[in-house]
Amino acid sequence: MQNLSPKAAKDKKARDLAFAKTFDRKRKKAFNQKWHRKHPEANGMDYDHKDSKAKTVHANRGNDGNGTKNEG
């Protein structure tokens, strides 16, 4: 958690909400909700767009063990 002043926290909240309501974020959220409704067995997992399957949050990071420097 960030220890922000009350004014900074209020400003950050407004920025975060504005970002969450952009067209692109709404599309991504809708996809994620639809996918998770269709795949209840993937509860607590993330969708890996590269492999097109469910993975744990831990396994879905780091470019499949190759690190993020070589990610393309």
PDB file of N, CA and C in Angstrom:
ATOM      1  N   MET A   1       0.835  -1.179   0.000  1.00  0.00           N
ATOM      2  CA  MET A   1       0.000   0.000   0.000  1.00  0.00           C
ATOM      3  C   MET A   1       0.882   1.244   0.000  1.00  0.00           C
ATOM      4  N   GLN A   2       0.440   2.227  -0.731  1.00  0.00           N
ATOM      5  CA  GLN A   2       1.181   3.480  -0.785  1.00  0.00           C
ATOM      6  C   GLN A   2       0.694   4.382   0.335  1.00  0.00           C
ATOM      7  N   ASN A   3       1.621   5.018   1.015  1.00  0.00           N
ATOM      8  CA  ASN A   3       1.255   5.970   2.057  1.00  0.00           C
ATOM      9  C   ASN A   3       1.161   7.360   1.432  1.00  0.00           C
ATOM     10  N   LEU A   4       0.003   7.646   0.879  1.00  0.00           N
ATOM     11  CA  LEU A   4      -0.205   8.919   0.198  1.00  0.00           C
ATOM     12  C   LEU A   4      -0.933   9.894   1.106  1.00  0.00           C
ATOM     13  N   SER A   5      -0.695  11.162   0.840  1.00  0.00           N
ATOM     14  CA  SER A   5      -1.449  12.184   1.567  1.00  0.00           C
ATOM     15  C   SER A   5      -2.913  12.085   1.133  1.00  0.00           C
ATOM     16  N   PRO A   6      -3.834  12.622   1.919  1.00  0.00           N
ATOM     17  CA  PRO A   6      -5.252  12.540   1.539  1.00  0.00           C
ATOM     18  C   PRO A   6      -5.530  13.124   0.153  1.00  0.00           C
ATOM     19  N   LYS A   7      -4.887  14.244  -0.182  1.00  0.00           N
ATOM     20  CA  LYS A   7      -5.109  14.853  -1.502  1.00  0.00           C
ATOM     21  C   LYS A   7      -4.556  13.965  -2.609  1.00  0.00           C
ATOM     22  N   ALA A   8      -3.353  13.419  -2.403  1.00  0.00           N
ATOM     23  CA  ALA A   8      -2.747  12.546  -3.403  1.00  0.00           C
ATOM     24  C   ALA A   8      -3.579  11.273  -3.577  1.00  0.00           C
ATOM     25  N   ALA A   9      -4.096  10.725  -2.486  1.00  0.00           N
ATOM     26  CA  ALA A   9      -4.927   9.516  -2.567  1.00  0.00           C
ATOM     27  C   ALA A   9      -6.206   9.799  -3.339  1.00  0.00           C
ATOM     28  N   LYS A  10      -6.786  10.960  -3.113  1.00  0.00           N
ATOM     29  CA  LYS A  10      -8.014  11.341  -3.822  1.00  0.00           C
ATOM     30  C   LYS A  10      -7.736  11.507  -5.313  1.00  0.00           C
ATOM     31  N   ASP A  11      -6.607  12.148  -5.647  1.00  0.00           N
ATOM     32  CA  ASP A  11      -6.230  12.336  -7.047  1.00  0.00           C
ATOM     33  C   ASP A  11      -5.952  10.994  -7.720  1.00  0.00           C
ATOM     34  N   LYS A  12      -5.264  10.098  -7.010  1.00  0.00           N
ATOM     35  CA  LYS A  12      -4.968   8.782  -7.562  1.00  0.00           C
ATOM     36  C   LYS A  12      -6.243   7.981  -7.797  1.00  0.00           C
ATOM     37  N   LYS A  13      -7.174   8.081  -6.884  1.00  0.00           N
ATOM     38  CA  LYS A  13      -8.448   7.383  -7.035  1.00  0.00           C
ATOM     39  C   LYS A  13      -9.169   7.848  -8.291  1.00  0.00           C
ATOM     40  N   ALA A  14      -9.146   9.164  -8.538  1.00  0.00           N
ATOM     41  CA  ALA A  14      -9.789   9.709  -9.727  1.00  0.00           C
ATOM     42  C   ALA A  14      -9.086   9.233 -10.998  1.00  0.00           C
ATOM     43  N   ARG A  15      -7.742   9.213 -10.984  1.00  0.00           N
ATOM     44  CA  ARG A  15      -6.986   8.737 -12.155  1.00  0.00           C
ATOM     45  C   ARG A  15      -7.258   7.266 -12.422  1.00  0.00           C
ATOM     46  N   ASP A  16      -7.244   6.458 -11.365  1.00  0.00           N
ATOM     47  CA  ASP A  16      -7.467   5.017 -11.518  1.00  0.00           C
ATOM     48  C   ASP A  16      -8.863   4.725 -12.052  1.00  0.00           C
ATOM     49  N   LEU A  17      -9.855   5.465 -11.558  1.00  0.00           N
ATOM     50  CA  LEU A  17     -11.223   5.263 -12.020  1.00  0.00           C
ATOM     51  C   LEU A  17     -11.366   5.671 -13.480  1.00  0.00           C
ATOM     52  N   ALA A  18     -10.751   6.772 -13.857  1.00  0.00           N
ATOM     53  CA  ALA A  18     -10.801   7.217 -15.257  1.00  0.00           C
ATOM     54  C   ALA A  18     -10.161   6.176 -16.168  1.00  0.00           C
ATOM     55  N   PHE A  19      -9.038   5.599 -15.736  1.00  0.00           N
ATOM     56  CA  PHE A  19      -8.364   4.569 -16.532  1.00  0.00           C
ATOM     57  C   PHE A  19      -9.219   3.306 -16.625  1.00  0.00           C
ATOM     58  N   ALA A  20      -9.862   2.933 -15.532  1.00  0.00           N
ATOM     59  CA  ALA A  20     -10.681   1.718 -15.512  1.00  0.00           C
ATOM     60  C   ALA A  20     -11.904   1.841 -16.418  1.00  0.00           C
ATOM     61  N   LYS A  21     -12.327   3.057 -16.688  1.00  0.00           N
ATOM     62  CA  LYS A  21     -13.523   3.272 -17.506  1.00  0.00           C
ATOM     63  C   LYS A  21     -13.214   3.530 -18.978  1.00  0.00           C
ATOM     64  N   THR A  22     -11.955   3.398 -19.384  1.00  0.00           N
ATOM     65  CA  THR A  22     -11.636   3.581 -20.795  1.00  0.00           C
ATOM     66  C   THR A  22     -12.225   2.430 -21.597  1.00  0.00           C
ATOM     67  N   PHE A  23     -12.417   2.660 -22.888  1.00  0.00           N
ATOM     68  CA  PHE A  23     -13.030   1.662 -23.759  1.00  0.00           C
ATOM     69  C   PHE A  23     -12.237   0.355 -23.754  1.00  0.00           C
ATOM     70  N   ASP A  24     -10.915   0.473 -23.838  1.00  0.00           N
ATOM     71  CA  ASP A  24     -10.068  -0.713 -23.883  1.00  0.00           C
ATOM     72  C   ASP A  24     -10.179  -1.537 -22.601  1.00  0.00           C
ATOM     73  N   ARG A  25     -10.145  -0.886 -21.435  1.00  0.00           N
ATOM     74  CA  ARG A  25     -10.248  -1.602 -20.162  1.00  0.00           C
ATOM     75  C   ARG A  25     -11.617  -2.252 -20.006  1.00  0.00           C
ATOM     76  N   LYS A  26     -12.667  -1.594 -20.477  1.00  0.00           N
ATOM     77  CA  LYS A  26     -14.006  -2.193 -20.393  1.00  0.00           C
ATOM     78  C   LYS A  26     -14.084  -3.461 -21.243  1.00  0.00           C
ATOM     79  N   ARG A  27     -13.464  -3.443 -22.418  1.00  0.00           N
ATOM     80  CA  ARG A  27     -13.450  -4.624 -23.280  1.00  0.00           C
ATOM     81  C   ARG A  27     -12.683  -5.766 -22.619  1.00  0.00           C
ATOM     82  N   LYS A  28     -11.535  -5.455 -22.014  1.00  0.00           N
ATOM     83  CA  LYS A  28     -10.739  -6.482 -21.359  1.00  0.00           C
ATOM     84  C   LYS A  28     -11.471  -7.072 -20.156  1.00  0.00           C
ATOM     85  N   LYS A  29     -12.142  -6.217 -19.402  1.00  0.00           N
ATOM     86  CA  LYS A  29     -12.890  -6.689 -18.238  1.00  0.00           C
ATOM     87  C   LYS A  29     -14.050  -7.578 -18.683  1.00  0.00           C
ATOM     88  N   ALA A  30     -14.734  -7.184 -19.747  1.00  0.00           N
ATOM     89  CA  ALA A  30     -15.857  -7.973 -20.249  1.00  0.00           C
ATOM     90  C   ALA A  30     -15.376  -9.345 -20.728  1.00  0.00           C
ATOM     91  N   PHE A  31     -14.251  -9.368 -21.439  1.00  0.00           N
ATOM     92  CA  PHE A  31     -13.692 -10.643 -21.896  1.00  0.00           C
ATOM     93  C   PHE A  31     -13.372 -11.539 -20.707  1.00  0.00           C
ATOM     94  N   ASN A  32     -12.723 -10.968 -19.702  1.00  0.00           N
ATOM     95  CA  ASN A  32     -12.312 -11.743 -18.537  1.00  0.00           C
ATOM     96  C   ASN A  32     -13.520 -12.302 -17.785  1.00  0.00           C
ATOM     97  N   GLN A  33     -14.553 -11.494 -17.605  1.00  0.00           N
ATOM     98  CA  GLN A  33     -15.752 -11.969 -16.910  1.00  0.00           C
ATOM     99  C   GLN A  33     -16.439 -13.071 -17.705  1.00  0.00           C
ATOM    100  N   LYS A  34     -16.548 -12.877 -19.017  1.00  0.00           N
ATOM    101  CA  LYS A  34     -17.203 -13.872 -19.870  1.00  0.00           C
ATOM    102  C   LYS A  34     -16.420 -15.189 -19.857  1.00  0.00           C
ATOM    103  N   TRP A  35     -15.090 -15.093 -19.949  1.00  0.00           N
ATOM    104  CA  TRP A  35     -14.257 -16.295 -19.966  1.00  0.00           C
ATOM    105  C   TRP A  35     -14.361 -17.044 -18.649  1.00  0.00           C
ATOM    106  N   HIS A  36     -14.343 -16.321 -17.524  1.00  0.00           N
ATOM    107  CA  HIS A  36     -14.414 -16.987 -16.221  1.00  0.00           C
ATOM    108  C   HIS A  36     -15.788 -17.593 -15.963  1.00  0.00           C
ATOM    109  N   ARG A  37     -16.853 -17.003 -16.490  1.00  0.00           N
ATOM    110  CA  ARG A  37     -18.177 -17.618 -16.360  1.00  0.00           C
ATOM    111  C   ARG A  37     -18.242 -18.928 -17.139  1.00  0.00           C
ATOM    112  N   LYS A  38     -17.578 -18.938 -18.290  1.00  0.00           N
ATOM    113  CA  LYS A  38     -17.594 -20.124 -19.134  1.00  0.00           C
ATOM    114  C   LYS A  38     -16.685 -21.222 -18.593  1.00  0.00           C
ATOM    115  N   HIS A  39     -15.648 -20.863 -17.819  1.00  0.00           N
ATOM    116  CA  HIS A  39     -14.678 -21.820 -17.287  1.00  0.00           C
ATOM    117  C   HIS A  39     -14.600 -21.721 -15.761  1.00  0.00           C
ATOM    118  N   PRO A  40     -15.622 -22.208 -15.053  1.00  0.00           N
ATOM    119  CA  PRO A  40     -15.602 -22.096 -13.593  1.00  0.00           C
ATOM    120  C   PRO A  40     -14.493 -22.928 -12.945  1.00  0.00           C
ATOM    121  N   GLU A  41     -13.963 -23.921 -13.650  1.00  0.00           N
ATOM    122  CA  GLU A  41     -12.877 -24.723 -13.100  1.00  0.00           C
ATOM    123  C   GLU A  41     -11.575 -23.927 -13.003  1.00  0.00           C
ATOM    124  N   ALA A  42     -11.518 -22.785 -13.675  1.00  0.00           N
ATOM    125  CA  ALA A  42     -10.318 -21.952 -13.673  1.00  0.00           C
ATOM    126  C   ALA A  42     -10.411 -20.856 -12.610  1.00  0.00           C
ATOM    127  N   ASN A  43     -11.127 -21.127 -11.547  1.00  0.00           N
ATOM    128  CA  ASN A  43     -11.269 -20.149 -10.477  1.00  0.00           C
ATOM    129  C   ASN A  43      -9.910 -19.894  -9.831  1.00  0.00           C
ATOM    130  N   GLY A  44      -9.535 -18.636  -9.702  1.00  0.00           N
ATOM    131  CA  GLY A  44      -8.259 -18.280  -9.118  1.00  0.00           C
ATOM    132  C   GLY A  44      -7.109 -18.341 -10.105  1.00  0.00           C
ATOM    133  N   MET A  45      -7.405 -18.542 -11.380  1.00  0.00           N
ATOM    134  CA  MET A  45      -6.364 -18.623 -12.397  1.00  0.00           C
ATOM    135  C   MET A  45      -6.528 -17.467 -13.386  1.00  0.00           C
ATOM    136  N   ASP A  46      -5.484 -17.226 -14.169  1.00  0.00           N
ATOM    137  CA  ASP A  46      -5.502 -16.202 -15.201  1.00  0.00           C
ATOM    138  C   ASP A  46      -5.517 -16.858 -16.569  1.00  0.00           C
ATOM    139  N   TYR A  47      -6.010 -16.110 -17.555  1.00  0.00           N
ATOM    140  CA  TYR A  47      -6.000 -16.582 -18.935  1.00  0.00           C
ATOM    141  C   TYR A  47      -4.688 -16.149 -19.574  1.00  0.00           C
ATOM    142  N   ASP A  48      -3.937 -17.093 -20.111  1.00  0.00           N
ATOM    143  CA  ASP A  48      -2.687 -16.788 -20.797  1.00  0.00           C
ATOM    144  C   ASP A  48      -2.998 -16.627 -22.281  1.00  0.00           C
ATOM    145  N   HIS A  49      -2.876 -15.404 -22.778  1.00  0.00           N
ATOM    146  CA  HIS A  49      -3.240 -15.120 -24.161  1.00  0.00           C
ATOM    147  C   HIS A  49      -2.275 -15.762 -25.157  1.00  0.00           C
ATOM    148  N   LYS A  50      -1.027 -15.947 -24.755  1.00  0.00           N
ATOM    149  CA  LYS A  50      -0.043 -16.550 -25.662  1.00  0.00           C
ATOM    150  C   LYS A  50      -0.320 -18.032 -25.856  1.00  0.00           C
ATOM    151  N   ASP A  51      -0.654 -18.745 -24.766  1.00  0.00           N
ATOM    152  CA  ASP A  51      -0.912 -20.174 -24.840  1.00  0.00           C
ATOM    153  C   ASP A  51      -2.395 -20.518 -24.962  1.00  0.00           C
ATOM    154  N   SER A  52      -3.266 -19.521 -24.823  1.00  0.00           N
ATOM    155  CA  SER A  52      -4.724 -19.689 -24.916  1.00  0.00           C
ATOM    156  C   SER A  52      -5.254 -20.738 -23.943  1.00  0.00           C
ATOM    157  N   LYS A  53      -4.773 -20.668 -22.693  1.00  0.00           N
ATOM    158  CA  LYS A  53      -5.287 -21.581 -21.681  1.00  0.00           C
ATOM    159  C   LYS A  53      -5.139 -20.946 -20.304  1.00  0.00           C
ATOM    160  N   ALA A  54      -5.754 -21.546 -19.312  1.00  0.00           N
ATOM    161  CA  ALA A  54      -5.705 -21.042 -17.947  1.00  0.00           C
ATOM    162  C   ALA A  54      -4.393 -21.437 -17.298  1.00  0.00           C
ATOM    163  N   LYS A  55      -3.810 -20.499 -16.555  1.00  0.00           N
ATOM    164  CA  LYS A  55      -2.597 -20.754 -15.799  1.00  0.00           C
ATOM    165  C   LYS A  55      -2.736 -20.086 -14.445  1.00  0.00           C
ATOM    166  N   THR A  56      -1.972 -20.573 -13.483  1.00  0.00           N
ATOM    167  CA  THR A  56      -1.938 -19.879 -12.201  1.00  0.00           C
ATOM    168  C   THR A  56      -1.304 -18.506 -12.422  1.00  0.00           C
ATOM    169  N   VAL A  57      -1.586 -17.586 -11.533  1.00  0.00           N
ATOM    170  CA  VAL A  57      -1.032 -16.244 -11.652  1.00  0.00           C
ATOM    171  C   VAL A  57       0.488 -16.317 -11.664  1.00  0.00           C
ATOM    172  N   HIS A  58       1.052 -17.176 -10.839  1.00  0.00           N
ATOM    173  CA  HIS A  58       2.512 -17.325 -10.760  1.00  0.00           C
ATOM    174  C   HIS A  58       3.093 -17.851 -12.072  1.00  0.00           C
ATOM    175  N   ALA A  59       2.427 -18.815 -12.684  1.00  0.00           N
ATOM    176  CA  ALA A  59       2.937 -19.411 -13.920  1.00  0.00           C
ATOM    177  C   ALA A  59       2.738 -18.498 -15.123  1.00  0.00           C
ATOM    178  N   ASN A  60       1.849 -17.528 -15.006  1.00  0.00           N
ATOM    179  CA  ASN A  60       1.529 -16.648 -16.126  1.00  0.00           C
ATOM    180  C   ASN A  60       2.425 -15.409 -16.144  1.00  0.00           C
ATOM    181  N   ARG A  61       3.515 -15.431 -15.407  1.00  0.00           N
ATOM    182  CA  ARG A  61       4.439 -14.291 -15.362  1.00  0.00           C
ATOM    183  C   ARG A  61       5.828 -14.738 -15.815  1.00  0.00           C
ATOM    184  N   GLY A  62       6.606 -13.817 -16.302  1.00  0.00           N
ATOM    185  CA  GLY A  62       8.004 -14.108 -16.599  1.00  0.00           C
ATOM    186  C   GLY A  62       8.269 -14.786 -17.921  1.00  0.00           C
ATOM    187  N   ASN A  63       7.349 -14.705 -18.873  1.00  0.00           N
ATOM    188  CA  ASN A  63       7.603 -15.209 -20.229  1.00  0.00           C
ATOM    189  C   ASN A  63       7.971 -16.692 -20.233  1.00  0.00           C
ATOM    190  N   ASP A  64       7.221 -17.490 -19.538  1.00  0.00           N
ATOM    191  CA  ASP A  64       7.415 -18.945 -19.475  1.00  0.00           C
ATOM    192  C   ASP A  64       8.834 -19.342 -19.064  1.00  0.00           C
ATOM    193  N   GLY A  65       9.382 -18.637 -18.092  1.00  0.00           N
ATOM    194  CA  GLY A  65      10.692 -18.968 -17.552  1.00  0.00           C
ATOM    195  C   GLY A  65      11.859 -18.321 -18.267  1.00  0.00           C
ATOM    196  N   ASN A  66      11.583 -17.548 -19.313  1.00  0.00           N
ATOM    197  CA  ASN A  66      12.665 -16.893 -20.047  1.00  0.00           C
ATOM    198  C   ASN A  66      12.928 -15.467 -19.583  1.00  0.00           C
ATOM    199  N   GLY A  67      12.206 -14.997 -18.620  1.00  0.00           N
ATOM    200  CA  GLY A  67      12.400 -13.635 -18.116  1.00  0.00           C
ATOM    201  C   GLY A  67      11.694 -12.620 -19.002  1.00  0.00           C
ATOM    202  N   THR A  68      11.582 -11.416 -18.486  1.00  0.00           N
ATOM    203  CA  THR A  68      10.835 -10.385 -19.202  1.00  0.00           C
ATOM    204  C   THR A  68      11.715  -9.530 -20.099  1.00  0.00           C
ATOM    205  N   LYS A  69      13.045  -9.663 -20.023  1.00  0.00           N
ATOM    206  CA  LYS A  69      13.918  -8.857 -20.876  1.00  0.00           C
ATOM    207  C   LYS A  69      13.825  -9.278 -22.340  1.00  0.00           C
ATOM    208  N   ASN A  70      13.554 -10.552 -22.569  1.00  0.00           N
ATOM    209  CA  ASN A  70      13.498 -11.069 -23.951  1.00  0.00           C
ATOM    210  C   ASN A  70      12.064 -11.175 -24.460  1.00  0.00           C
ATOM    211  N   GLU A  71      11.116 -10.672 -23.714  1.00  0.00           N
ATOM    212  CA  GLU A  71       9.713 -10.798 -24.101  1.00  0.00           C
ATOM    213  C   GLU A  71       9.432  -9.928 -25.307  1.00  0.00           C
ATOM    214  N   GLY A  72       8.676 -10.463 -26.246  1.00  0.00           N
ATOM    215  CA  GLY A  72       8.424  -9.681 -27.445  1.00  0.00           C
ATOM    216  C   GLY A  72       7.082  -9.722 -27.943  1.00  0.00           C
TER     217      GLY A  72
END
